[in-house]
């Protein structure tokens, strides 16, 4: 076999500490961190396959199928799948969310342009929303109550990452997540993503999408108050606050010429702000839970 005949061989070396948002931080109870990290590592293996510059589309699809078969038991064992497979079995959870992530990576292997906002959200349905759903399921949260708000936050997180990396994605992978109709609306072109600095037209596109992320984050803001597990509630509150700050930054800053990321001090202070606000509201969370229950019944 060639050196790129396995998902392990295609690994980028990126880990959970390299992500823009916390992944199973120490706010999460230790009994849940192993399952979340196993999920992350499996998903990271698939993502690395989809983003590998030396693999053909056909080879990417083959390796992604192998990962899926290893996780479900339909094919040979794979070291990238075994830890998650064990965690799922121990908890009696299905592989649904992980398999949906692989569907997103198959989309990446097959296409590299996005037509409109609805298509971008459809991609997020498979590339981002299953992550939040898995974490909530691991904690035993009520899907009917928490999934809708989680989906909104996860979609926003995904699109923020797309905006932060839009130049790199185009230059390295010829991949563009910015919707074509948004580019057209502001007189921008895909080629502008290869410039060292964003044009005013492209800045307008990025700002529009960042504002739509803020709308999604506003829709999901209630999530920490809907979650029974306090530690998970605080984790999500921190992530939400970090996302809001980044999205606001992307409404005015240029991700092509500067890194629109949190510095370590800003990261800590922003996250702590989210945690503190959620703790202050915790005694009054029944109102949010009742509102969510009424929304489910209506």
C-alpha atoms as a PDB file:
ATOM      1  CA  UNK A   1       0.000   0.000   0.000  1.00  0.00           C
ATOM      2  CA  UNK A   2       1.081   3.577  -0.651  1.00  0.00           C
ATOM      3  CA  UNK A   3       1.796   5.853   2.261  1.00  0.00           C
ATOM      4  CA  UNK A   4      -1.631   7.527   1.854  1.00  0.00           C
ATOM      5  CA  UNK A   5      -3.730   4.373   1.821  1.00  0.00           C
ATOM      6  CA  UNK A   6      -5.098   4.842   5.336  1.00  0.00           C
ATOM      7  CA  UNK A   7      -6.813   7.637   7.207  1.00  0.00           C
ATOM      8  CA  UNK A   8      -4.011   7.565   9.770  1.00  0.00           C
ATOM      9  CA  UNK A   9      -1.444   8.258   7.064  1.00  0.00           C
ATOM     10  CA  UNK A  10      -3.426  11.320   5.988  1.00  0.00           C
ATOM     11  CA  UNK A  11      -3.507  12.890   9.450  1.00  0.00           C
ATOM     12  CA  UNK A  12      -2.439  16.526   9.581  1.00  0.00           C
ATOM     13  CA  UNK A  13      -1.184  16.475  13.152  1.00  0.00           C
ATOM     14  CA  UNK A  14      -3.822  18.993  14.221  1.00  0.00           C
ATOM     15  CA  UNK A  15      -5.403  18.261  17.586  1.00  0.00           C
ATOM     16  CA  UNK A  16      -8.225  19.538  19.762  1.00  0.00           C
ATOM     17  CA  UNK A  17      -6.002  22.189  21.330  1.00  0.00           C
ATOM     18  CA  UNK A  18      -5.487  23.747  17.883  1.00  0.00           C
ATOM     19  CA  UNK A  19      -9.180  24.518  17.349  1.00  0.00           C
ATOM     20  CA  UNK A  20     -10.611  28.043  17.498  1.00  0.00           C
ATOM     21  CA  UNK A  21     -13.106  27.061  20.187  1.00  0.00           C
ATOM     22  CA  UNK A  22     -12.728  24.844  23.289  1.00  0.00           C
ATOM     23  CA  UNK A  23     -13.092  21.088  22.762  1.00  0.00           C
ATOM     24  CA  UNK A  24     -13.905  19.149  25.941  1.00  0.00           C
ATOM     25  CA  UNK A  25     -12.217  21.678  28.200  1.00  0.00           C
ATOM     26  CA  UNK A  26     -11.839  20.953  31.883  1.00  0.00           C
ATOM     27  CA  UNK A  27     -15.255  22.479  32.462  1.00  0.00           C
ATOM     28  CA  UNK A  28     -16.604  19.189  31.115  1.00  0.00           C
ATOM     29  CA  UNK A  29     -16.889  16.437  33.720  1.00  0.00           C
ATOM     30  CA  UNK A  30     -14.067  13.867  33.382  1.00  0.00           C
ATOM     31  CA  UNK A  31     -16.570  11.042  32.861  1.00  0.00           C
ATOM     32  CA  UNK A  32     -17.639  12.663  29.579  1.00  0.00           C
ATOM     33  CA  UNK A  33     -14.349  14.029  28.259  1.00  0.00           C
ATOM     34  CA  UNK A  34     -13.105  10.674  26.940  1.00  0.00           C
ATOM     35  CA  UNK A  35     -16.177  10.160  24.758  1.00  0.00           C
ATOM     36  CA  UNK A  36     -16.030  13.713  23.395  1.00  0.00           C
ATOM     37  CA  UNK A  37     -12.317  13.474  22.613  1.00  0.00           C
ATOM     38  CA  UNK A  38     -12.813  10.076  20.940  1.00  0.00           C
ATOM     39  CA  UNK A  39     -15.523  11.666  18.786  1.00  0.00           C
ATOM     40  CA  UNK A  40     -13.274  14.632  18.004  1.00  0.00           C
ATOM     41  CA  UNK A  41     -10.336  12.427  17.018  1.00  0.00           C
ATOM     42  CA  UNK A  42     -12.500  10.299  14.720  1.00  0.00           C
ATOM     43  CA  UNK A  43     -13.951  13.388  13.087  1.00  0.00           C
ATOM     44  CA  UNK A  44     -10.517  14.980  12.789  1.00  0.00           C
ATOM     45  CA  UNK A  45      -9.272  11.896  10.926  1.00  0.00           C
ATOM     46  CA  UNK A  46     -12.106  12.253   8.433  1.00  0.00           C
ATOM     47  CA  UNK A  47     -11.574  15.994   8.095  1.00  0.00           C
ATOM     48  CA  UNK A  48      -7.877  15.476   7.410  1.00  0.00           C
ATOM     49  CA  UNK A  49      -8.750  13.031   4.636  1.00  0.00           C
ATOM     50  CA  UNK A  50     -11.176  15.520   3.051  1.00  0.00           C
ATOM     51  CA  UNK A  51      -8.611  18.353   3.249  1.00  0.00           C
ATOM     52  CA  UNK A  52      -5.584  16.379   2.052  1.00  0.00           C
ATOM     53  CA  UNK A  53      -4.021  18.033  -0.988  1.00  0.00           C
ATOM     54  CA  UNK A  54      -2.400  14.859  -2.372  1.00  0.00           C
ATOM     55  CA  UNK A  55      -5.501  12.673  -2.407  1.00  0.00           C
ATOM     56  CA  UNK A  56      -7.900  12.463  -5.337  1.00  0.00           C
ATOM     57  CA  UNK A  57     -11.625  12.862  -4.764  1.00  0.00           C
ATOM     58  CA  UNK A  58     -12.143   9.148  -5.386  1.00  0.00           C
ATOM     59  CA  UNK A  59      -9.457   8.173  -2.879  1.00  0.00           C
ATOM     60  CA  UNK A  60     -10.898  10.523  -0.263  1.00  0.00           C
ATOM     61  CA  UNK A  61     -14.327   8.943  -0.669  1.00  0.00           C
ATOM     62  CA  UNK A  62     -12.828   5.473  -0.361  1.00  0.00           C
ATOM     63  CA  UNK A  63     -11.008   6.316   2.869  1.00  0.00           C
ATOM     64  CA  UNK A  64     -14.093   7.996   4.324  1.00  0.00           C
ATOM     65  CA  UNK A  65     -16.146   4.909   3.506  1.00  0.00           C
ATOM     66  CA  UNK A  66     -13.544   2.761   5.260  1.00  0.00           C
ATOM     67  CA  UNK A  67     -13.828   4.920   8.383  1.00  0.00           C
ATOM     68  CA  UNK A  68     -17.608   4.599   8.334  1.00  0.00           C
ATOM     69  CA  UNK A  69     -17.445   0.821   7.899  1.00  0.00           C
ATOM     70  CA  UNK A  70     -14.894   0.491  10.693  1.00  0.00           C
ATOM     71  CA  UNK A  71     -17.123   2.481  13.053  1.00  0.00           C
ATOM     72  CA  UNK A  72     -20.263   0.505  12.269  1.00  0.00           C
ATOM     73  CA  UNK A  73     -18.546  -2.886  12.102  1.00  0.00           C
ATOM     74  CA  UNK A  74     -19.385  -3.320   8.412  1.00  0.00           C
ATOM     75  CA  UNK A  75     -15.680  -3.418   7.544  1.00  0.00           C
ATOM     76  CA  UNK A  76     -12.230  -4.048   9.007  1.00  0.00           C
ATOM     77  CA  UNK A  77     -11.121  -2.369  12.222  1.00  0.00           C
ATOM     78  CA  UNK A  78      -9.381   0.995  11.963  1.00  0.00           C
ATOM     79  CA  UNK A  79      -7.319   2.598  14.752  1.00  0.00           C
ATOM     80  CA  UNK A  80      -9.006   5.943  14.059  1.00  0.00           C
ATOM     81  CA  UNK A  81     -12.446   4.433  14.700  1.00  0.00           C
ATOM     82  CA  UNK A  82     -11.857   1.997  17.559  1.00  0.00           C
ATOM     83  CA  UNK A  83     -11.805   4.473  20.499  1.00  0.00           C
ATOM     84  CA  UNK A  84     -15.112   6.031  19.445  1.00  0.00           C
ATOM     85  CA  UNK A  85     -16.609   2.634  18.677  1.00  0.00           C
ATOM     86  CA  UNK A  86     -15.798   1.537  22.246  1.00  0.00           C
ATOM     87  CA  UNK A  87     -17.248   4.707  23.762  1.00  0.00           C
ATOM     88  CA  UNK A  88     -20.467   4.387  21.772  1.00  0.00           C
ATOM     89  CA  UNK A  89     -20.874   0.754  22.791  1.00  0.00           C
ATOM     90  CA  UNK A  90     -20.236   1.534  26.457  1.00  0.00           C
ATOM     91  CA  UNK A  91     -22.907   4.253  26.444  1.00  0.00           C
ATOM     92  CA  UNK A  92     -25.410   2.561  24.156  1.00  0.00           C
ATOM     93  CA  UNK A  93     -25.247   5.427  21.662  1.00  0.00           C
ATOM     94  CA  UNK A  94     -25.650   5.011  17.882  1.00  0.00           C
ATOM     95  CA  UNK A  95     -22.938   6.178  15.446  1.00  0.00           C
ATOM     96  CA  UNK A  96     -25.367   8.551  13.707  1.00  0.00           C
ATOM     97  CA  UNK A  97     -23.664  11.843  14.511  1.00  0.00           C
ATOM     98  CA  UNK A  98     -20.191  10.679  13.516  1.00  0.00           C
ATOM     99  CA  UNK A  99     -21.512   9.200  10.273  1.00  0.00           C
ATOM    100  CA  UNK A 100     -23.196  12.503   9.445  1.00  0.00           C
ATOM    101  CA  UNK A 101     -19.839  14.261   9.840  1.00  0.00           C
ATOM    102  CA  UNK A 102     -18.396  11.827   7.306  1.00  0.00           C
ATOM    103  CA  UNK A 103     -21.232  12.819   4.954  1.00  0.00           C
ATOM    104  CA  UNK A 104     -20.054  16.425   5.228  1.00  0.00           C
ATOM    105  CA  UNK A 105     -16.507  15.391   4.365  1.00  0.00           C
ATOM    106  CA  UNK A 106     -17.858  13.526   1.349  1.00  0.00           C
ATOM    107  CA  UNK A 107     -19.458  16.799   0.266  1.00  0.00           C
ATOM    108  CA  UNK A 108     -16.054  18.473   0.571  1.00  0.00           C
ATOM    109  CA  UNK A 109     -14.482  15.732  -1.548  1.00  0.00           C
ATOM    110  CA  UNK A 110     -17.082  16.113  -4.296  1.00  0.00           C
ATOM    111  CA  UNK A 111     -17.514  19.889  -4.582  1.00  0.00           C
ATOM    112  CA  UNK A 112     -15.683  23.079  -3.767  1.00  0.00           C
ATOM    113  CA  UNK A 113     -18.207  25.878  -4.257  1.00  0.00           C
ATOM    114  CA  UNK A 114     -21.361  27.009  -2.428  1.00  0.00           C
ATOM    115  CA  UNK A 115     -24.316  28.503  -4.275  1.00  0.00           C
ATOM    116  CA  UNK A 116     -26.289  30.258  -1.536  1.00  0.00           C
ATOM    117  CA  UNK A 117     -27.017  30.547   2.188  1.00  0.00           C
ATOM    118  CA  UNK A 118     -29.420  27.615   2.226  1.00  0.00           C
ATOM    119  CA  UNK A 119     -26.753  25.387   0.707  1.00  0.00           C
ATOM    120  CA  UNK A 120     -24.245  26.571   3.312  1.00  0.00           C
ATOM    121  CA  UNK A 121     -26.685  25.798   6.141  1.00  0.00           C
ATOM    122  CA  UNK A 122     -27.341  22.371   4.607  1.00  0.00           C
ATOM    123  CA  UNK A 123     -23.591  21.748   4.752  1.00  0.00           C
ATOM    124  CA  UNK A 124     -23.542  22.902   8.382  1.00  0.00           C
ATOM    125  CA  UNK A 125     -26.352  20.446   9.125  1.00  0.00           C
ATOM    126  CA  UNK A 126     -23.825  17.668   8.515  1.00  0.00           C
ATOM    127  CA  UNK A 127     -20.488  19.353   9.262  1.00  0.00           C
ATOM    128  CA  UNK A 128     -21.335  21.148  12.516  1.00  0.00           C
ATOM    129  CA  UNK A 129     -24.725  20.409  14.030  1.00  0.00           C
ATOM    130  CA  UNK A 130     -23.953  16.725  14.750  1.00  0.00           C
ATOM    131  CA  UNK A 131     -21.034  17.816  16.948  1.00  0.00           C
ATOM    132  CA  UNK A 132     -23.266  19.720  19.334  1.00  0.00           C
ATOM    133  CA  UNK A 133     -25.902  17.010  19.226  1.00  0.00           C
ATOM    134  CA  UNK A 134     -23.355  14.349  20.148  1.00  0.00           C
ATOM    135  CA  UNK A 135     -22.031  16.324  23.115  1.00  0.00           C
ATOM    136  CA  UNK A 136     -25.568  16.909  24.359  1.00  0.00           C
ATOM    137  CA  UNK A 137     -26.482  13.246  23.904  1.00  0.00           C
ATOM    138  CA  UNK A 138     -23.404  12.139  25.841  1.00  0.00           C
ATOM    139  CA  UNK A 139     -24.655  14.275  28.730  1.00  0.00           C
ATOM    140  CA  UNK A 140     -28.164  12.817  28.516  1.00  0.00           C
ATOM    141  CA  UNK A 141     -29.805  16.132  27.648  1.00  0.00           C
ATOM    142  CA  UNK A 142     -33.305  16.226  26.123  1.00  0.00           C
ATOM    143  CA  UNK A 143     -32.876  16.487  22.307  1.00  0.00           C
ATOM    144  CA  UNK A 144     -36.271  18.106  21.746  1.00  0.00           C
ATOM    145  CA  UNK A 145     -35.404  20.870  24.182  1.00  0.00           C
ATOM    146  CA  UNK A 146     -31.769  21.556  23.336  1.00  0.00           C
ATOM    147  CA  UNK A 147     -31.031  20.520  19.754  1.00  0.00           C
ATOM    148  CA  UNK A 148     -32.613  23.536  17.962  1.00  0.00           C
ATOM    149  CA  UNK A 149     -30.593  26.128  19.897  1.00  0.00           C
ATOM    150  CA  UNK A 150     -27.468  23.962  19.651  1.00  0.00           C
ATOM    151  CA  UNK A 151     -27.904  23.670  15.889  1.00  0.00           C
ATOM    152  CA  UNK A 152     -27.986  27.456  15.533  1.00  0.00           C
ATOM    153  CA  UNK A 153     -24.803  27.906  17.582  1.00  0.00           C
ATOM    154  CA  UNK A 154     -22.965  25.113  15.775  1.00  0.00           C
ATOM    155  CA  UNK A 155     -23.861  26.527  12.347  1.00  0.00           C
ATOM    156  CA  UNK A 156     -22.546  29.921  13.450  1.00  0.00           C
ATOM    157  CA  UNK A 157     -19.300  28.397  14.743  1.00  0.00           C
ATOM    158  CA  UNK A 158     -18.789  26.599  11.436  1.00  0.00           C
ATOM    159  CA  UNK A 159     -19.393  29.692   9.324  1.00  0.00           C
ATOM    160  CA  UNK A 160     -17.141  31.802  11.549  1.00  0.00           C
ATOM    161  CA  UNK A 161     -14.385  29.264  10.878  1.00  0.00           C
ATOM    162  CA  UNK A 162     -15.121  29.497   7.158  1.00  0.00           C
ATOM    163  CA  UNK A 163     -14.787  33.275   7.295  1.00  0.00           C
ATOM    164  CA  UNK A 164     -11.574  33.144   9.325  1.00  0.00           C
ATOM    165  CA  UNK A 165     -10.022  30.688   6.870  1.00  0.00           C
ATOM    166  CA  UNK A 166     -11.597  31.854   3.602  1.00  0.00           C
ATOM    167  CA  UNK A 167      -8.297  32.924   2.046  1.00  0.00           C
ATOM    168  CA  UNK A 168      -6.435  29.804   3.125  1.00  0.00           C
ATOM    169  CA  UNK A 169      -9.228  27.496   1.983  1.00  0.00           C
ATOM    170  CA  UNK A 170      -9.192  29.053  -1.476  1.00  0.00           C
ATOM    171  CA  UNK A 171      -5.412  29.171  -1.821  1.00  0.00           C
ATOM    172  CA  UNK A 172      -4.657  25.700  -0.466  1.00  0.00           C
ATOM    173  CA  UNK A 173      -7.759  23.714  -1.438  1.00  0.00           C
ATOM    174  CA  UNK A 174      -9.544  25.776  -4.112  1.00  0.00           C
ATOM    175  CA  UNK A 175     -12.518  25.542  -1.778  1.00  0.00           C
ATOM    176  CA  UNK A 176     -14.969  28.415  -1.266  1.00  0.00           C
ATOM    177  CA  UNK A 177     -17.693  28.307   1.362  1.00  0.00           C
ATOM    178  CA  UNK A 178     -18.737  31.926   0.822  1.00  0.00           C
ATOM    179  CA  UNK A 179     -22.026  31.660  -1.109  1.00  0.00           C
ATOM    180  CA  UNK A 180     -21.781  32.673  -4.748  1.00  0.00           C
ATOM    181  CA  UNK A 181     -24.961  34.727  -4.575  1.00  0.00           C
ATOM    182  CA  UNK A 182     -23.488  36.781  -1.712  1.00  0.00           C
ATOM    183  CA  UNK A 183     -20.352  37.397  -3.775  1.00  0.00           C
ATOM    184  CA  UNK A 184     -22.512  38.463  -6.721  1.00  0.00           C
ATOM    185  CA  UNK A 185     -24.650  40.707  -4.531  1.00  0.00           C
ATOM    186  CA  UNK A 186     -21.619  42.753  -3.486  1.00  0.00           C
ATOM    187  CA  UNK A 187     -19.743  42.657  -6.793  1.00  0.00           C
ATOM    188  CA  UNK A 188     -17.040  40.348  -5.416  1.00  0.00           C
ATOM    189  CA  UNK A 189     -15.359  37.421  -7.173  1.00  0.00           C
ATOM    190  CA  UNK A 190     -13.840  34.150  -6.010  1.00  0.00           C
ATOM    191  CA  UNK A 191     -10.448  35.301  -7.310  1.00  0.00           C
ATOM    192  CA  UNK A 192     -10.426  38.095  -4.708  1.00  0.00           C
ATOM    193  CA  UNK A 193      -9.904  35.440  -2.027  1.00  0.00           C
ATOM    194  CA  UNK A 194      -6.378  34.910  -3.333  1.00  0.00           C
ATOM    195  CA  UNK A 195      -5.304  38.494  -2.657  1.00  0.00           C
ATOM    196  CA  UNK A 196      -3.187  39.468   0.370  1.00  0.00           C
ATOM    197  CA  UNK A 197      -5.872  41.937   1.422  1.00  0.00           C
ATOM    198  CA  UNK A 198      -9.632  41.798   1.004  1.00  0.00           C
ATOM    199  CA  UNK A 199     -11.199  44.295  -1.375  1.00  0.00           C
ATOM    200  CA  UNK A 200     -14.095  46.463  -0.153  1.00  0.00           C
ATOM    201  CA  UNK A 201     -16.438  44.209  -2.157  1.00  0.00           C
ATOM    202  CA  UNK A 202     -15.167  41.074  -0.422  1.00  0.00           C
ATOM    203  CA  UNK A 203     -15.179  42.799   2.963  1.00  0.00           C
ATOM    204  CA  UNK A 204     -18.881  43.508   2.418  1.00  0.00           C
ATOM    205  CA  UNK A 205     -19.531  39.804   1.771  1.00  0.00           C
ATOM    206  CA  UNK A 206     -17.656  38.768   4.915  1.00  0.00           C
ATOM    207  CA  UNK A 207     -19.483  41.396   6.975  1.00  0.00           C
ATOM    208  CA  UNK A 208     -22.882  40.221   5.701  1.00  0.00           C
ATOM    209  CA  UNK A 209     -22.137  36.608   6.595  1.00  0.00           C
ATOM    210  CA  UNK A 210     -20.739  37.625   9.998  1.00  0.00           C
ATOM    211  CA  UNK A 211     -23.986  39.479  10.744  1.00  0.00           C
ATOM    212  CA  UNK A 212     -25.929  36.348   9.811  1.00  0.00           C
ATOM    213  CA  UNK A 213     -23.747  34.427  12.263  1.00  0.00           C
ATOM    214  CA  UNK A 214     -24.703  36.924  14.950  1.00  0.00           C
ATOM    215  CA  UNK A 215     -28.365  36.228  14.159  1.00  0.00           C
ATOM    216  CA  UNK A 216     -27.737  32.495  14.593  1.00  0.00           C
ATOM    217  CA  UNK A 217     -25.908  33.108  17.857  1.00  0.00           C
ATOM    218  CA  UNK A 218     -28.794  35.224  19.089  1.00  0.00           C
ATOM    219  CA  UNK A 219     -31.128  32.337  18.234  1.00  0.00           C
ATOM    220  CA  UNK A 220     -28.944  29.933  20.218  1.00  0.00           C
ATOM    221  CA  UNK A 221     -28.197  32.224  23.168  1.00  0.00           C
ATOM    222  CA  UNK A 222     -30.755  30.475  25.382  1.00  0.00           C
ATOM    223  CA  UNK A 223     -28.972  27.111  25.150  1.00  0.00           C
ATOM    224  CA  UNK A 224     -26.853  27.330  28.353  1.00  0.00           C
ATOM    225  CA  UNK A 225     -30.036  27.967  30.343  1.00  0.00           C
ATOM    226  CA  UNK A 226     -31.768  24.922  28.820  1.00  0.00           C
ATOM    227  CA  UNK A 227     -29.042  22.443  29.773  1.00  0.00           C
ATOM    228  CA  UNK A 228     -29.382  20.454  32.977  1.00  0.00           C
ATOM    229  CA  UNK A 229     -25.666  19.657  33.378  1.00  0.00           C
ATOM    230  CA  UNK A 230     -24.092  22.753  34.940  1.00  0.00           C
ATOM    231  CA  UNK A 231     -20.577  22.093  33.696  1.00  0.00           C
ATOM    232  CA  UNK A 232     -21.725  21.621  30.103  1.00  0.00           C
ATOM    233  CA  UNK A 233     -23.879  24.725  30.414  1.00  0.00           C
ATOM    234  CA  UNK A 234     -20.817  26.751  31.376  1.00  0.00           C
ATOM    235  CA  UNK A 235     -18.730  25.261  28.563  1.00  0.00           C
ATOM    236  CA  UNK A 236     -21.317  26.238  25.979  1.00  0.00           C
ATOM    237  CA  UNK A 237     -21.750  29.676  27.516  1.00  0.00           C
ATOM    238  CA  UNK A 238     -18.015  30.276  27.146  1.00  0.00           C
ATOM    239  CA  UNK A 239     -18.037  29.074  23.528  1.00  0.00           C
ATOM    240  CA  UNK A 240     -21.063  31.221  22.725  1.00  0.00           C
ATOM    241  CA  UNK A 241     -19.467  34.357  24.156  1.00  0.00           C
ATOM    242  CA  UNK A 242     -16.227  33.682  22.249  1.00  0.00           C
ATOM    243  CA  UNK A 243     -18.201  33.214  19.028  1.00  0.00           C
ATOM    244  CA  UNK A 244     -20.112  36.455  19.452  1.00  0.00           C
ATOM    245  CA  UNK A 245     -16.883  38.416  19.872  1.00  0.00           C
ATOM    246  CA  UNK A 246     -15.328  36.785  16.800  1.00  0.00           C
ATOM    247  CA  UNK A 247     -18.424  37.329  14.662  1.00  0.00           C
ATOM    248  CA  UNK A 248     -18.533  40.995  15.658  1.00  0.00           C
ATOM    249  CA  UNK A 249     -14.855  41.275  14.775  1.00  0.00           C
ATOM    250  CA  UNK A 250     -15.468  39.788  11.337  1.00  0.00           C
ATOM    251  CA  UNK A 251     -18.056  42.476  10.578  1.00  0.00           C
ATOM    252  CA  UNK A 252     -15.223  45.022  10.390  1.00  0.00           C
ATOM    253  CA  UNK A 253     -11.904  43.144  10.138  1.00  0.00           C
ATOM    254  CA  UNK A 254     -10.136  41.498   7.205  1.00  0.00           C
ATOM    255  CA  UNK A 255      -9.304  37.799   7.639  1.00  0.00           C
ATOM    256  CA  UNK A 256      -7.117  37.852   4.519  1.00  0.00           C
ATOM    257  CA  UNK A 257      -4.619  40.350   5.917  1.00  0.00           C
ATOM    258  CA  UNK A 258      -4.853  39.573   9.641  1.00  0.00           C
ATOM    259  CA  UNK A 259      -5.706  36.694  11.946  1.00  0.00           C
ATOM    260  CA  UNK A 260      -9.141  37.299  13.380  1.00  0.00           C
ATOM    261  CA  UNK A 261      -8.645  35.145  16.449  1.00  0.00           C
ATOM    262  CA  UNK A 262      -8.653  35.552  20.221  1.00  0.00           C
ATOM    263  CA  UNK A 263      -5.332  36.095  21.953  1.00  0.00           C
ATOM    264  CA  UNK A 264      -4.792  34.005  25.071  1.00  0.00           C
ATOM    265  CA  UNK A 265      -5.740  36.763  27.501  1.00  0.00           C
ATOM    266  CA  UNK A 266      -8.780  37.849  25.495  1.00  0.00           C
ATOM    267  CA  UNK A 267      -9.809  34.212  25.108  1.00  0.00           C
ATOM    268  CA  UNK A 268      -9.761  33.661  28.869  1.00  0.00           C
ATOM    269  CA  UNK A 269     -11.505  36.905  29.765  1.00  0.00           C
ATOM    270  CA  UNK A 270     -14.207  36.454  27.144  1.00  0.00           C
ATOM    271  CA  UNK A 271     -14.867  32.858  28.144  1.00  0.00           C
ATOM    272  CA  UNK A 272     -15.014  33.806  31.827  1.00  0.00           C
ATOM    273  CA  UNK A 273     -17.541  36.498  30.983  1.00  0.00           C
ATOM    274  CA  UNK A 274     -19.813  33.900  29.426  1.00  0.00           C
ATOM    275  CA  UNK A 275     -19.408  31.586  32.402  1.00  0.00           C
ATOM    276  CA  UNK A 276     -20.132  34.347  34.919  1.00  0.00           C
ATOM    277  CA  UNK A 277     -23.254  35.519  33.103  1.00  0.00           C
ATOM    278  CA  UNK A 278     -24.635  31.984  32.952  1.00  0.00           C
ATOM    279  CA  UNK A 279     -23.950  31.353  36.631  1.00  0.00           C
ATOM    280  CA  UNK A 280     -25.789  34.571  37.470  1.00  0.00           C
ATOM    281  CA  UNK A 281     -28.836  33.424  35.510  1.00  0.00           C
ATOM    282  CA  UNK A 282     -28.783  29.832  36.756  1.00  0.00           C
ATOM    283  CA  UNK A 283     -31.246  30.328  39.630  1.00  0.00           C
ATOM    284  CA  UNK A 284     -33.805  31.628  37.118  1.00  0.00           C
ATOM    285  CA  UNK A 285     -33.368  29.025  34.364  1.00  0.00           C
ATOM    286  CA  UNK A 286     -36.800  27.470  34.892  1.00  0.00           C
ATOM    287  CA  UNK A 287     -38.295  30.310  32.875  1.00  0.00           C
ATOM    288  CA  UNK A 288     -36.132  29.459  29.868  1.00  0.00           C
ATOM    289  CA  UNK A 289     -36.925  25.749  30.202  1.00  0.00           C
ATOM    290  CA  UNK A 290     -40.669  26.481  30.378  1.00  0.00           C
ATOM    291  CA  UNK A 291     -40.396  28.675  27.293  1.00  0.00           C
ATOM    292  CA  UNK A 292     -38.603  25.940  25.381  1.00  0.00           C
ATOM    293  CA  UNK A 293     -41.225  23.386  26.431  1.00  0.00           C
ATOM    294  CA  UNK A 294     -44.015  25.671  25.221  1.00  0.00           C
ATOM    295  CA  UNK A 295     -42.198  26.100  21.913  1.00  0.00           C
ATOM    296  CA  UNK A 296     -41.976  22.321  21.497  1.00  0.00           C
ATOM    297  CA  UNK A 297     -45.713  21.878  22.180  1.00  0.00           C
ATOM    298  CA  UNK A 298     -46.876  24.713  19.920  1.00  0.00           C
END
